[in-house]
Amino acid sequence: MDFLTGESAVDSVQQIIHFLVQEQKSVVLEFGRYGNSMEAYMLVANYLTRRIHDQYVEQVERSLGDTQIEPPQLLIVVEEAHKFLDPQVARQTSFGTIAREMRKYRVTLLVVDQRPSAIDEEVMSQIGTRVTALLDNERDIQAVLTGISGAGGLREVLARLDTVQQAIIMGHAVPMPVVVKTRPMTRHFIRQLKTSLRSKSKMYDGRSAAAGKNECSTIKRP
């Protein structure tokens, strides 16, 4: 594979981890012309997630009792998840371990797929919140509703969802299953979203500055 080299002046994986942990920036992996290469997917995803796993476990354990050096919460998003979480493949990757064990180390897994029945059952059982659009395949419906109370009544709800913009949210994030309709991604909505994010950022900065002033005034007192 052309992206593999014998030597490199830069540790690209460490750079990615630096962006995630130190700068708290999102990182998107795009495989380009290797998009249909399972070998490339498995090699890169396995290597990267194992390094992230090791660093987060080490850093969280080192920060026990000192929240100031805790790493930030990390969300790993897996698109076309069946490529990594198929029952035969999941045992060879670290995604199963992340789904089962890494919440206590501040790492969460977000799984995105059109065929949930193709995902390993053990991984599906660890997914606490599920956002599900219209499904018409019985195996997919069964996979999504596994472990959800009142699954019988929800089958009918799933079958009646609109083909676009409607979904049902189930699990830890809501007290009971609820159907939602998403807003269309118009320019007006995007402007509103950007404005909201900027205002929240300013609010956070203001709180940080106030906290800093309070700390300084406390330190100066005899």
N, C-alpha and C. Protein backbone atom coordinates (compact mmCIF):
# COMPACT_ATOMS: atom_id res chain seq x y z
N MET A 1 0.85 -1.19 0.00
CA MET A 1 0.00 0.00 0.00
C MET A 1 0.88 1.24 0.00
N ASP A 2 0.53 2.19 -0.86
CA ASP A 2 1.39 3.36 -1.07
C ASP A 2 1.54 4.23 0.17
N PHE A 3 0.55 4.18 1.08
CA PHE A 3 0.64 5.06 2.25
C PHE A 3 1.56 4.49 3.34
N LEU A 4 2.07 3.28 3.14
CA LEU A 4 3.01 2.69 4.09
C LEU A 4 4.44 3.00 3.66
N THR A 5 5.26 3.47 4.60
CA THR A 5 6.66 3.78 4.31
C THR A 5 7.55 3.09 5.34
N GLY A 6 8.79 2.83 4.93
CA GLY A 6 9.73 2.17 5.83
C GLY A 6 10.13 3.06 6.99
N GLU A 7 10.29 4.35 6.73
CA GLU A 7 10.67 5.32 7.76
C GLU A 7 9.84 6.58 7.61
N SER A 8 9.62 7.26 8.73
CA SER A 8 8.88 8.52 8.69
C SER A 8 9.45 9.47 9.72
N ALA A 9 9.57 10.74 9.33
CA ALA A 9 10.11 11.74 10.26
C ALA A 9 9.06 12.14 11.30
N VAL A 10 7.79 11.85 11.02
CA VAL A 10 6.71 12.26 11.91
C VAL A 10 5.90 11.04 12.30
N ASP A 11 5.53 10.96 13.58
CA ASP A 11 4.64 9.91 14.06
C ASP A 11 3.21 10.39 13.82
N SER A 12 2.60 9.97 12.71
CA SER A 12 1.29 10.49 12.33
C SER A 12 0.21 10.10 13.35
N VAL A 13 0.31 8.91 13.93
CA VAL A 13 -0.69 8.51 14.92
C VAL A 13 -0.58 9.37 16.17
N GLN A 14 0.65 9.68 16.59
CA GLN A 14 0.83 10.54 17.75
C GLN A 14 0.30 11.94 17.47
N GLN A 15 0.43 12.39 16.20
CA GLN A 15 -0.13 13.68 15.81
C GLN A 15 -1.65 13.68 15.96
N ILE A 16 -2.28 12.60 15.51
CA ILE A 16 -3.74 12.48 15.63
C ILE A 16 -4.15 12.51 17.09
N ILE A 17 -3.44 11.74 17.92
CA ILE A 17 -3.76 11.71 19.35
C ILE A 17 -3.55 13.08 19.98
N HIS A 18 -2.53 13.81 19.52
CA HIS A 18 -2.29 15.17 20.02
C HIS A 18 -3.46 16.09 19.68
N PHE A 19 -3.96 16.00 18.43
CA PHE A 19 -5.12 16.81 18.05
C PHE A 19 -6.33 16.47 18.92
N LEU A 20 -6.53 15.18 19.20
CA LEU A 20 -7.69 14.75 19.97
C LEU A 20 -7.59 15.15 21.44
N VAL A 21 -6.43 14.89 22.05
CA VAL A 21 -6.28 15.05 23.50
C VAL A 21 -5.87 16.47 23.88
N GLN A 22 -4.84 16.99 23.23
CA GLN A 22 -4.30 18.29 23.62
C GLN A 22 -5.08 19.45 23.04
N GLU A 23 -5.38 19.40 21.74
CA GLU A 23 -6.08 20.51 21.08
C GLU A 23 -7.59 20.30 21.03
N GLN A 24 -8.03 19.09 21.38
CA GLN A 24 -9.46 18.76 21.39
C GLN A 24 -10.13 19.09 20.06
N LYS A 25 -9.49 18.67 18.99
CA LYS A 25 -10.02 18.84 17.64
C LYS A 25 -10.53 17.50 17.12
N SER A 26 -11.54 17.56 16.28
CA SER A 26 -12.05 16.34 15.65
C SER A 26 -11.11 15.93 14.51
N VAL A 27 -10.95 14.63 14.32
CA VAL A 27 -10.11 14.09 13.26
C VAL A 27 -10.95 13.14 12.43
N VAL A 28 -10.97 13.35 11.12
CA VAL A 28 -11.73 12.49 10.20
C VAL A 28 -10.75 11.69 9.36
N LEU A 29 -10.90 10.38 9.35
CA LEU A 29 -10.07 9.51 8.52
C LEU A 29 -10.82 9.21 7.23
N GLU A 30 -10.26 9.61 6.11
CA GLU A 30 -10.85 9.34 4.80
C GLU A 30 -9.89 8.43 4.04
N PHE A 31 -10.39 7.28 3.59
CA PHE A 31 -9.51 6.28 2.99
C PHE A 31 -9.34 6.46 1.49
N GLY A 32 -10.06 7.41 0.89
CA GLY A 32 -9.85 7.71 -0.53
C GLY A 32 -9.97 6.49 -1.43
N ARG A 33 -8.95 6.27 -2.25
CA ARG A 33 -9.01 5.15 -3.19
C ARG A 33 -8.87 3.80 -2.51
N TYR A 34 -8.58 3.80 -1.20
CA TYR A 34 -8.55 2.55 -0.44
C TYR A 34 -9.89 2.31 0.28
N GLY A 35 -10.92 3.05 -0.12
CA GLY A 35 -12.20 2.95 0.55
C GLY A 35 -12.84 1.58 0.48
N ASN A 36 -12.49 0.80 -0.52
CA ASN A 36 -13.05 -0.55 -0.65
C ASN A 36 -12.06 -1.64 -0.24
N SER A 37 -10.96 -1.22 0.37
CA SER A 37 -9.93 -2.18 0.77
C SER A 37 -10.09 -2.52 2.25
N MET A 38 -10.59 -3.71 2.53
CA MET A 38 -10.77 -4.14 3.91
C MET A 38 -9.44 -4.22 4.64
N GLU A 39 -8.37 -4.61 3.92
CA GLU A 39 -7.04 -4.70 4.55
C GLU A 39 -6.59 -3.33 5.06
N ALA A 40 -6.81 -2.29 4.24
CA ALA A 40 -6.42 -0.93 4.65
C ALA A 40 -7.25 -0.48 5.85
N TYR A 41 -8.54 -0.70 5.80
CA TYR A 41 -9.43 -0.34 6.90
C TYR A 41 -8.96 -0.99 8.20
N MET A 42 -8.76 -2.30 8.14
CA MET A 42 -8.43 -3.05 9.34
C MET A 42 -7.08 -2.63 9.91
N LEU A 43 -6.10 -2.44 9.02
CA LEU A 43 -4.75 -2.08 9.47
C LEU A 43 -4.77 -0.72 10.18
N VAL A 44 -5.33 0.29 9.50
CA VAL A 44 -5.31 1.65 10.05
C VAL A 44 -6.18 1.76 11.29
N ALA A 45 -7.40 1.23 11.22
CA ALA A 45 -8.32 1.34 12.35
C ALA A 45 -7.79 0.61 13.58
N ASN A 46 -7.25 -0.58 13.37
CA ASN A 46 -6.72 -1.35 14.49
C ASN A 46 -5.54 -0.64 15.14
N TYR A 47 -4.61 -0.21 14.31
CA TYR A 47 -3.40 0.43 14.84
C TYR A 47 -3.76 1.70 15.60
N LEU A 48 -4.64 2.51 15.01
CA LEU A 48 -5.00 3.79 15.63
C LEU A 48 -5.76 3.58 16.93
N THR A 49 -6.77 2.71 16.91
CA THR A 49 -7.58 2.53 18.11
C THR A 49 -6.79 1.86 19.23
N ARG A 50 -5.88 1.00 18.91
CA ARG A 50 -5.05 0.39 19.97
C ARG A 50 -4.16 1.43 20.62
N ARG A 51 -3.59 2.32 19.83
CA ARG A 51 -2.75 3.39 20.40
C ARG A 51 -3.60 4.32 21.28
N ILE A 52 -4.80 4.68 20.79
CA ILE A 52 -5.69 5.53 21.58
C ILE A 52 -6.09 4.82 22.87
N HIS A 53 -6.41 3.55 22.76
CA HIS A 53 -6.79 2.75 23.93
C HIS A 53 -5.69 2.77 24.97
N ASP A 54 -4.47 2.46 24.55
CA ASP A 54 -3.34 2.41 25.49
C ASP A 54 -3.11 3.76 26.16
N GLN A 55 -3.15 4.85 25.37
CA GLN A 55 -2.85 6.17 25.92
C GLN A 55 -3.94 6.62 26.90
N TYR A 56 -5.21 6.38 26.56
CA TYR A 56 -6.29 6.80 27.45
C TYR A 56 -6.29 6.01 28.74
N VAL A 57 -6.06 4.71 28.66
CA VAL A 57 -6.00 3.90 29.88
C VAL A 57 -4.88 4.42 30.78
N GLU A 58 -3.71 4.65 30.19
CA GLU A 58 -2.56 5.13 30.97
C GLU A 58 -2.84 6.49 31.59
N GLN A 59 -3.41 7.42 30.77
CA GLN A 59 -3.60 8.78 31.26
C GLN A 59 -4.70 8.84 32.33
N VAL A 60 -5.78 8.09 32.15
CA VAL A 60 -6.86 8.10 33.15
C VAL A 60 -6.38 7.49 34.46
N GLU A 61 -5.65 6.40 34.38
CA GLU A 61 -5.14 5.78 35.60
C GLU A 61 -4.14 6.69 36.31
N ARG A 62 -3.36 7.44 35.54
CA ARG A 62 -2.39 8.37 36.14
C ARG A 62 -3.09 9.56 36.78
N SER A 63 -4.31 9.90 36.28
CA SER A 63 -5.01 11.09 36.78
C SER A 63 -5.95 10.78 37.93
N LEU A 64 -6.00 9.53 38.39
CA LEU A 64 -6.90 9.19 39.49
C LEU A 64 -6.60 10.08 40.70
N GLY A 65 -7.61 10.78 41.15
CA GLY A 65 -7.43 11.70 42.28
C GLY A 65 -7.04 13.09 41.86
N ASP A 66 -6.80 13.31 40.56
CA ASP A 66 -6.42 14.64 40.07
C ASP A 66 -7.16 14.89 38.76
N THR A 67 -8.34 15.49 38.83
CA THR A 67 -9.17 15.68 37.65
C THR A 67 -8.56 16.66 36.65
N GLN A 68 -7.60 17.48 37.08
CA GLN A 68 -7.01 18.47 36.18
C GLN A 68 -6.20 17.85 35.06
N ILE A 69 -5.70 16.63 35.26
CA ILE A 69 -4.90 16.01 34.20
C ILE A 69 -5.66 14.88 33.52
N GLU A 70 -6.98 14.80 33.75
CA GLU A 70 -7.79 13.82 33.04
C GLU A 70 -7.83 14.15 31.56
N PRO A 71 -7.78 13.17 30.68
CA PRO A 71 -7.93 13.45 29.26
C PRO A 71 -9.37 13.84 28.95
N PRO A 72 -9.62 14.61 27.88
CA PRO A 72 -10.99 14.98 27.55
C PRO A 72 -11.79 13.76 27.10
N GLN A 73 -13.10 13.83 27.24
CA GLN A 73 -13.93 12.74 26.75
C GLN A 73 -13.76 12.62 25.24
N LEU A 74 -13.71 11.38 24.77
CA LEU A 74 -13.45 11.12 23.35
C LEU A 74 -14.59 10.29 22.78
N LEU A 75 -15.08 10.69 21.62
CA LEU A 75 -16.11 9.95 20.91
C LEU A 75 -15.52 9.42 19.60
N ILE A 76 -15.48 8.09 19.45
CA ILE A 76 -15.01 7.47 18.22
C ILE A 76 -16.22 7.09 17.39
N VAL A 77 -16.33 7.68 16.20
CA VAL A 77 -17.46 7.43 15.30
C VAL A 77 -17.03 6.41 14.24
N VAL A 78 -17.79 5.32 14.12
CA VAL A 78 -17.47 4.27 13.15
C VAL A 78 -18.57 4.25 12.09
N GLU A 79 -18.27 4.80 10.91
CA GLU A 79 -19.21 4.77 9.79
C GLU A 79 -19.08 3.43 9.08
N GLU A 80 -20.20 2.95 8.48
CA GLU A 80 -20.23 1.62 7.86
C GLU A 80 -19.67 0.59 8.85
N ALA A 81 -20.28 0.57 10.04
CA ALA A 81 -19.71 -0.15 11.18
C ALA A 81 -19.57 -1.66 10.95
N HIS A 82 -20.39 -2.23 10.06
CA HIS A 82 -20.30 -3.68 9.87
C HIS A 82 -18.94 -4.11 9.32
N LYS A 83 -18.22 -3.17 8.68
CA LYS A 83 -16.88 -3.50 8.18
C LYS A 83 -15.92 -3.82 9.32
N PHE A 84 -16.16 -3.21 10.49
CA PHE A 84 -15.28 -3.41 11.64
C PHE A 84 -15.90 -4.30 12.70
N LEU A 85 -17.24 -4.37 12.72
CA LEU A 85 -17.92 -5.03 13.84
C LEU A 85 -18.73 -6.24 13.41
N ASP A 86 -18.46 -6.76 12.24
CA ASP A 86 -19.01 -8.06 11.84
C ASP A 86 -18.55 -9.10 12.86
N PRO A 87 -19.39 -10.10 13.21
CA PRO A 87 -19.00 -11.08 14.24
C PRO A 87 -17.64 -11.71 14.04
N GLN A 88 -17.25 -11.98 12.77
CA GLN A 88 -15.94 -12.58 12.52
C GLN A 88 -14.81 -11.56 12.65
N VAL A 89 -15.12 -10.31 12.31
CA VAL A 89 -14.07 -9.27 12.30
C VAL A 89 -13.90 -8.63 13.67
N ALA A 90 -15.02 -8.47 14.42
CA ALA A 90 -14.98 -7.72 15.68
C ALA A 90 -13.99 -8.31 16.67
N ARG A 91 -13.81 -9.61 16.64
CA ARG A 91 -12.89 -10.25 17.59
C ARG A 91 -11.43 -9.93 17.27
N GLN A 92 -11.18 -9.44 16.06
CA GLN A 92 -9.81 -9.13 15.66
C GLN A 92 -9.51 -7.64 15.77
N THR A 93 -10.48 -6.85 16.21
CA THR A 93 -10.27 -5.42 16.36
C THR A 93 -10.43 -5.02 17.81
N SER A 94 -10.08 -3.78 18.11
CA SER A 94 -10.22 -3.29 19.48
C SER A 94 -11.53 -2.56 19.69
N PHE A 95 -12.39 -2.49 18.65
CA PHE A 95 -13.66 -1.79 18.80
C PHE A 95 -14.57 -2.48 19.81
N GLY A 96 -14.54 -3.82 19.82
CA GLY A 96 -15.34 -4.55 20.80
C GLY A 96 -14.92 -4.21 22.22
N THR A 97 -13.61 -4.12 22.44
CA THR A 97 -13.09 -3.75 23.76
C THR A 97 -13.50 -2.34 24.13
N ILE A 98 -13.45 -1.43 23.16
CA ILE A 98 -13.85 -0.04 23.42
C ILE A 98 -15.32 0.02 23.80
N ALA A 99 -16.17 -0.73 23.08
CA ALA A 99 -17.61 -0.72 23.38
C ALA A 99 -17.88 -1.27 24.77
N ARG A 100 -17.13 -2.29 25.18
CA ARG A 100 -17.39 -2.96 26.46
C ARG A 100 -16.78 -2.24 27.65
N GLU A 101 -15.54 -1.74 27.50
CA GLU A 101 -14.75 -1.36 28.67
C GLU A 101 -14.34 0.10 28.76
N MET A 102 -14.38 0.84 27.64
CA MET A 102 -13.70 2.13 27.64
C MET A 102 -14.51 3.30 28.17
N ARG A 103 -15.79 3.09 28.51
CA ARG A 103 -16.55 4.21 29.07
C ARG A 103 -15.91 4.71 30.37
N LYS A 104 -15.39 3.78 31.15
CA LYS A 104 -14.75 4.20 32.41
C LYS A 104 -13.43 4.93 32.16
N TYR A 105 -12.93 4.84 30.92
CA TYR A 105 -11.71 5.57 30.55
C TYR A 105 -12.03 6.78 29.66
N ARG A 106 -13.30 7.22 29.68
CA ARG A 106 -13.73 8.44 29.01
C ARG A 106 -13.75 8.32 27.48
N VAL A 107 -13.88 7.11 26.96
CA VAL A 107 -13.97 6.89 25.52
C VAL A 107 -15.31 6.23 25.21
N THR A 108 -16.06 6.80 24.26
CA THR A 108 -17.36 6.28 23.87
C THR A 108 -17.36 5.95 22.39
N LEU A 109 -18.13 4.93 22.02
CA LEU A 109 -18.20 4.49 20.63
C LEU A 109 -19.55 4.86 20.05
N LEU A 110 -19.54 5.53 18.87
CA LEU A 110 -20.76 5.83 18.12
C LEU A 110 -20.75 4.99 16.85
N VAL A 111 -21.73 4.11 16.73
CA VAL A 111 -21.78 3.15 15.63
C VAL A 111 -22.85 3.59 14.64
N VAL A 112 -22.48 3.71 13.36
CA VAL A 112 -23.42 4.13 12.32
C VAL A 112 -23.46 3.05 11.24
N ASP A 113 -24.67 2.54 10.96
CA ASP A 113 -24.77 1.49 9.94
C ASP A 113 -26.22 1.35 9.47
N GLN A 114 -26.37 0.91 8.23
CA GLN A 114 -27.71 0.70 7.68
C GLN A 114 -28.21 -0.72 7.93
N ARG A 115 -27.32 -1.62 8.31
CA ARG A 115 -27.70 -3.01 8.56
C ARG A 115 -27.24 -3.44 9.94
N PRO A 116 -27.95 -3.05 10.99
CA PRO A 116 -27.52 -3.39 12.35
C PRO A 116 -27.42 -4.88 12.62
N SER A 117 -28.15 -5.70 11.84
CA SER A 117 -28.09 -7.15 12.06
C SER A 117 -26.73 -7.72 11.71
N ALA A 118 -25.92 -6.96 10.95
CA ALA A 118 -24.59 -7.43 10.56
C ALA A 118 -23.54 -7.14 11.62
N ILE A 119 -23.92 -6.44 12.69
CA ILE A 119 -22.98 -6.07 13.75
C ILE A 119 -23.00 -7.14 14.85
N ASP A 120 -21.84 -7.40 15.41
CA ASP A 120 -21.70 -8.42 16.45
C ASP A 120 -22.68 -8.16 17.60
N GLU A 121 -23.38 -9.21 18.04
CA GLU A 121 -24.41 -9.08 19.07
C GLU A 121 -23.84 -8.55 20.38
N GLU A 122 -22.62 -8.97 20.72
CA GLU A 122 -22.02 -8.52 21.98
C GLU A 122 -21.79 -7.01 21.97
N VAL A 123 -21.40 -6.48 20.80
CA VAL A 123 -21.20 -5.03 20.68
C VAL A 123 -22.54 -4.32 20.74
N MET A 124 -23.54 -4.84 20.02
CA MET A 124 -24.87 -4.21 20.03
C MET A 124 -25.44 -4.14 21.44
N SER A 125 -25.18 -5.15 22.24
CA SER A 125 -25.72 -5.17 23.60
C SER A 125 -25.11 -4.09 24.48
N GLN A 126 -23.95 -3.54 24.08
CA GLN A 126 -23.27 -2.50 24.86
C GLN A 126 -23.67 -1.09 24.45
N ILE A 127 -24.47 -0.98 23.39
CA ILE A 127 -24.87 0.34 22.91
C ILE A 127 -26.04 0.83 23.75
N GLY A 128 -25.81 1.88 24.53
CA GLY A 128 -26.80 2.34 25.50
C GLY A 128 -27.92 3.15 24.90
N THR A 129 -27.64 3.96 23.88
CA THR A 129 -28.65 4.80 23.25
C THR A 129 -28.69 4.51 21.76
N ARG A 130 -29.88 4.33 21.21
CA ARG A 130 -30.02 3.98 19.79
C ARG A 130 -30.95 4.97 19.10
N VAL A 131 -30.48 5.52 18.00
CA VAL A 131 -31.28 6.42 17.17
C VAL A 131 -31.54 5.68 15.87
N THR A 132 -32.79 5.31 15.62
CA THR A 132 -33.09 4.39 14.53
C THR A 132 -34.12 5.00 13.59
N ALA A 133 -33.79 5.02 12.31
CA ALA A 133 -34.73 5.45 11.28
C ALA A 133 -35.54 4.24 10.80
N LEU A 134 -36.31 4.42 9.75
CA LEU A 134 -37.19 3.37 9.24
C LEU A 134 -36.41 2.10 8.91
N LEU A 135 -36.89 0.96 9.40
CA LEU A 135 -36.32 -0.35 9.09
C LEU A 135 -37.45 -1.26 8.61
N ASP A 136 -37.16 -2.05 7.54
CA ASP A 136 -38.18 -2.97 7.07
C ASP A 136 -37.70 -4.41 7.04
N ASN A 137 -36.44 -4.62 7.43
CA ASN A 137 -35.90 -5.97 7.48
C ASN A 137 -36.08 -6.53 8.89
N GLU A 138 -36.67 -7.69 9.01
CA GLU A 138 -36.99 -8.26 10.32
C GLU A 138 -35.74 -8.48 11.17
N ARG A 139 -34.65 -8.94 10.56
CA ARG A 139 -33.41 -9.18 11.31
C ARG A 139 -32.85 -7.88 11.85
N ASP A 140 -32.91 -6.80 11.04
CA ASP A 140 -32.41 -5.51 11.49
C ASP A 140 -33.26 -4.97 12.63
N ILE A 141 -34.58 -5.12 12.52
CA ILE A 141 -35.48 -4.66 13.59
C ILE A 141 -35.19 -5.41 14.88
N GLN A 142 -35.01 -6.71 14.77
CA GLN A 142 -34.72 -7.52 15.96
C GLN A 142 -33.40 -7.12 16.60
N ALA A 143 -32.39 -6.82 15.77
CA ALA A 143 -31.08 -6.42 16.30
C ALA A 143 -31.17 -5.10 17.04
N VAL A 144 -31.94 -4.15 16.51
CA VAL A 144 -32.06 -2.83 17.13
C VAL A 144 -32.83 -2.90 18.44
N LEU A 145 -33.83 -3.78 18.50
CA LEU A 145 -34.70 -3.84 19.67
C LEU A 145 -34.21 -4.81 20.74
N THR A 146 -33.09 -5.48 20.50
CA THR A 146 -32.56 -6.40 21.49
C THR A 146 -32.24 -5.67 22.79
N GLY A 147 -32.80 -6.16 23.89
CA GLY A 147 -32.53 -5.56 25.19
C GLY A 147 -33.37 -4.35 25.52
N ILE A 148 -34.27 -3.94 24.60
CA ILE A 148 -35.14 -2.78 24.84
C ILE A 148 -36.48 -3.27 25.38
N SER A 149 -36.93 -2.71 26.50
CA SER A 149 -38.21 -3.11 27.07
C SER A 149 -39.36 -2.61 26.19
N GLY A 150 -40.41 -3.41 26.09
CA GLY A 150 -41.55 -3.04 25.26
C GLY A 150 -41.26 -3.15 23.78
N ALA A 151 -40.38 -4.08 23.41
CA ALA A 151 -39.95 -4.19 22.01
C ALA A 151 -41.12 -4.50 21.08
N GLY A 152 -42.12 -5.25 21.57
CA GLY A 152 -43.24 -5.62 20.71
C GLY A 152 -43.98 -4.42 20.16
N GLY A 153 -44.27 -3.43 21.03
CA GLY A 153 -44.97 -2.24 20.58
C GLY A 153 -44.11 -1.35 19.70
N LEU A 154 -42.80 -1.37 19.92
CA LEU A 154 -41.91 -0.52 19.14
C LEU A 154 -41.73 -1.01 17.71
N ARG A 155 -41.96 -2.29 17.47
CA ARG A 155 -41.85 -2.81 16.10
C ARG A 155 -42.80 -2.07 15.17
N GLU A 156 -44.02 -1.87 15.64
CA GLU A 156 -45.02 -1.18 14.82
C GLU A 156 -44.62 0.27 14.60
N VAL A 157 -44.07 0.91 15.63
CA VAL A 157 -43.63 2.31 15.50
C VAL A 157 -42.52 2.41 14.46
N LEU A 158 -41.55 1.50 14.51
CA LEU A 158 -40.45 1.51 13.55
C LEU A 158 -40.95 1.36 12.12
N ALA A 159 -41.95 0.50 11.94
CA ALA A 159 -42.46 0.23 10.60
C ALA A 159 -43.24 1.41 10.03
N ARG A 160 -43.70 2.33 10.91
CA ARG A 160 -44.53 3.44 10.45
C ARG A 160 -43.77 4.76 10.33
N LEU A 161 -42.50 4.75 10.61
CA LEU A 161 -41.72 5.98 10.49
C LEU A 161 -41.67 6.46 9.04
N ASP A 162 -41.60 7.79 8.86
CA ASP A 162 -41.41 8.32 7.50
C ASP A 162 -40.06 7.89 6.97
N THR A 163 -39.94 7.86 5.65
CA THR A 163 -38.67 7.42 5.05
C THR A 163 -37.56 8.45 5.24
N VAL A 164 -37.91 9.71 5.48
CA VAL A 164 -36.89 10.73 5.72
C VAL A 164 -37.26 11.54 6.95
N GLN A 165 -36.24 12.02 7.64
CA GLN A 165 -36.34 12.99 8.73
C GLN A 165 -36.97 12.48 10.03
N GLN A 166 -37.46 11.26 10.06
CA GLN A 166 -38.03 10.73 11.30
C GLN A 166 -37.16 9.61 11.85
N ALA A 167 -37.05 9.56 13.17
CA ALA A 167 -36.29 8.50 13.84
C ALA A 167 -36.86 8.30 15.23
N ILE A 168 -36.55 7.17 15.81
CA ILE A 168 -36.96 6.90 17.19
C ILE A 168 -35.71 6.77 18.05
N ILE A 169 -35.70 7.45 19.19
CA ILE A 169 -34.57 7.41 20.13
C ILE A 169 -34.95 6.51 21.30
N MET A 170 -34.10 5.55 21.58
CA MET A 170 -34.35 4.59 22.67
C MET A 170 -33.09 4.44 23.51
N GLY A 171 -33.27 4.16 24.79
CA GLY A 171 -32.11 3.84 25.62
C GLY A 171 -31.84 4.85 26.71
N HIS A 172 -30.56 4.95 27.10
CA HIS A 172 -30.17 5.72 28.28
C HIS A 172 -30.42 7.22 28.15
N ALA A 173 -30.43 7.74 26.95
CA ALA A 173 -30.52 9.20 26.78
C ALA A 173 -31.92 9.73 27.02
N VAL A 174 -32.93 8.88 26.99
CA VAL A 174 -34.31 9.33 27.15
C VAL A 174 -35.03 8.44 28.16
N PRO A 175 -35.98 8.99 28.93
CA PRO A 175 -36.70 8.18 29.92
C PRO A 175 -37.60 7.13 29.28
N MET A 176 -38.03 7.38 28.04
CA MET A 176 -38.85 6.42 27.31
C MET A 176 -38.62 6.64 25.81
N PRO A 177 -38.87 5.61 24.98
CA PRO A 177 -38.67 5.79 23.53
C PRO A 177 -39.49 6.96 23.01
N VAL A 178 -38.88 7.76 22.14
CA VAL A 178 -39.58 8.94 21.62
C VAL A 178 -39.24 9.10 20.14
N VAL A 179 -40.27 9.43 19.34
CA VAL A 179 -40.08 9.67 17.91
C VAL A 179 -39.76 11.14 17.71
N VAL A 180 -38.74 11.42 16.91
CA VAL A 180 -38.33 12.79 16.64
C VAL A 180 -38.31 13.04 15.13
N LYS A 181 -38.46 14.29 14.77
CA LYS A 181 -38.33 14.70 13.37
C LYS A 181 -37.19 15.69 13.28
N THR A 182 -36.18 15.37 12.52
CA THR A 182 -35.00 16.22 12.42
C THR A 182 -35.29 17.43 11.53
N ARG A 183 -34.60 18.52 11.79
CA ARG A 183 -34.75 19.71 10.97
C ARG A 183 -33.96 19.55 9.68
N PRO A 184 -34.45 20.09 8.58
CA PRO A 184 -33.69 20.01 7.32
C PRO A 184 -32.42 20.85 7.41
N MET A 185 -31.36 20.39 6.77
CA MET A 185 -30.07 21.10 6.82
C MET A 185 -30.06 22.26 5.82
N THR A 186 -30.87 23.28 6.13
CA THR A 186 -30.91 24.47 5.28
C THR A 186 -29.83 25.45 5.70
N ARG A 187 -29.58 26.44 4.87
CA ARG A 187 -28.59 27.46 5.21
C ARG A 187 -29.00 28.23 6.48
N HIS A 188 -30.31 28.47 6.61
CA HIS A 188 -30.80 29.18 7.79
C HIS A 188 -30.51 28.38 9.05
N PHE A 189 -30.75 27.07 9.01
CA PHE A 189 -30.49 26.22 10.17
C PHE A 189 -29.01 26.20 10.51
N ILE A 190 -28.15 26.11 9.49
CA ILE A 190 -26.70 26.09 9.73
C ILE A 190 -26.24 27.40 10.36
N ARG A 191 -26.79 28.55 9.90
CA ARG A 191 -26.45 29.84 10.51
C ARG A 191 -26.87 29.88 11.97
N GLN A 192 -28.07 29.38 12.26
CA GLN A 192 -28.54 29.32 13.65
C GLN A 192 -27.63 28.46 14.51
N LEU A 193 -27.22 27.33 13.96
CA LEU A 193 -26.36 26.41 14.70
C LEU A 193 -25.02 27.05 15.01
N LYS A 194 -24.44 27.73 14.02
CA LYS A 194 -23.15 28.41 14.23
C LYS A 194 -23.27 29.50 15.29
N THR A 195 -24.37 30.26 15.24
CA THR A 195 -24.59 31.32 16.23
C THR A 195 -24.70 30.74 17.62
N SER A 196 -25.44 29.63 17.75
CA SER A 196 -25.60 28.99 19.05
C SER A 196 -24.27 28.48 19.59
N LEU A 197 -23.47 27.87 18.71
CA LEU A 197 -22.17 27.35 19.14
C LEU A 197 -21.24 28.48 19.58
N ARG A 198 -21.27 29.61 18.85
CA ARG A 198 -20.41 30.74 19.22
C ARG A 198 -20.81 31.31 20.58
N SER A 199 -22.12 31.42 20.82
CA SER A 199 -22.59 31.98 22.10
C SER A 199 -22.22 31.06 23.26
N LYS A 200 -22.32 29.74 23.03
CA LYS A 200 -21.94 28.80 24.08
C LYS A 200 -20.44 28.85 24.35
N SER A 201 -19.66 29.05 23.28
CA SER A 201 -18.21 29.15 23.44
C SER A 201 -17.84 30.38 24.25
N LYS A 202 -18.50 31.52 23.98
CA LYS A 202 -18.23 32.75 24.73
C LYS A 202 -18.63 32.58 26.20
N MET A 203 -19.76 31.89 26.42
CA MET A 203 -20.22 31.65 27.79
C MET A 203 -19.20 30.83 28.56
N TYR A 204 -18.66 29.78 27.88
CA TYR A 204 -17.67 28.92 28.51
C TYR A 204 -16.40 29.70 28.82
N ASP A 205 -15.96 30.54 27.86
CA ASP A 205 -14.76 31.36 28.09
C ASP A 205 -14.97 32.32 29.26
N GLY A 206 -16.18 32.89 29.36
CA GLY A 206 -16.47 33.80 30.45
C GLY A 206 -16.42 33.11 31.80
N ARG A 207 -16.95 31.88 31.85
CA ARG A 207 -16.90 31.13 33.10
C ARG A 207 -15.48 30.78 33.47
N SER A 208 -14.66 30.42 32.46
CA SER A 208 -13.27 30.09 32.73
C SER A 208 -12.53 31.29 33.28
N ALA A 209 -12.78 32.49 32.68
CA ALA A 209 -12.10 33.70 33.14
C ALA A 209 -12.52 34.03 34.57
N ALA A 210 -13.84 33.87 34.84
CA ALA A 210 -14.34 34.15 36.19
C ALA A 210 -13.72 33.19 37.19
N ALA A 211 -13.62 31.93 36.79
CA ALA A 211 -13.01 30.94 37.68
C ALA A 211 -11.56 31.30 37.96
N GLY A 212 -10.85 31.77 36.91
CA GLY A 212 -9.45 32.16 37.08
C GLY A 212 -9.30 33.32 38.05
N LYS A 213 -10.22 34.32 37.94
CA LYS A 213 -10.17 35.47 38.86
C LYS A 213 -10.42 35.03 40.29
N ASN A 214 -11.38 34.15 40.47
CA ASN A 214 -11.69 33.67 41.81
C ASN A 214 -10.50 32.95 42.42
N GLU A 215 -9.82 32.14 41.59
CA GLU A 215 -8.66 31.41 42.09
C GLU A 215 -7.56 32.38 42.51
N CYS A 216 -7.35 33.42 41.68
CA CYS A 216 -6.30 34.39 41.99
C CYS A 216 -6.61 35.13 43.30
N SER A 217 -7.88 35.54 43.44
CA SER A 217 -8.22 36.30 44.64
C SER A 217 -8.09 35.42 45.88
N THR A 218 -8.39 34.15 45.73
CA THR A 218 -8.28 33.24 46.86
C THR A 218 -6.82 33.06 47.25
N ILE A 219 -5.95 32.94 46.24
CA ILE A 219 -4.54 32.73 46.51
C ILE A 219 -3.92 33.95 47.19
N LYS A 220 -4.37 35.14 46.83
CA LYS A 220 -3.77 36.36 47.38
C LYS A 220 -4.16 36.59 48.84
N ARG A 221 -5.23 36.00 49.28
CA ARG A 221 -5.64 36.24 50.67
C ARG A 221 -4.65 35.59 51.62
N PRO A 222 -4.37 36.25 52.76
CA PRO A 222 -3.43 35.70 53.73
C PRO A 222 -4.05 34.50 54.48
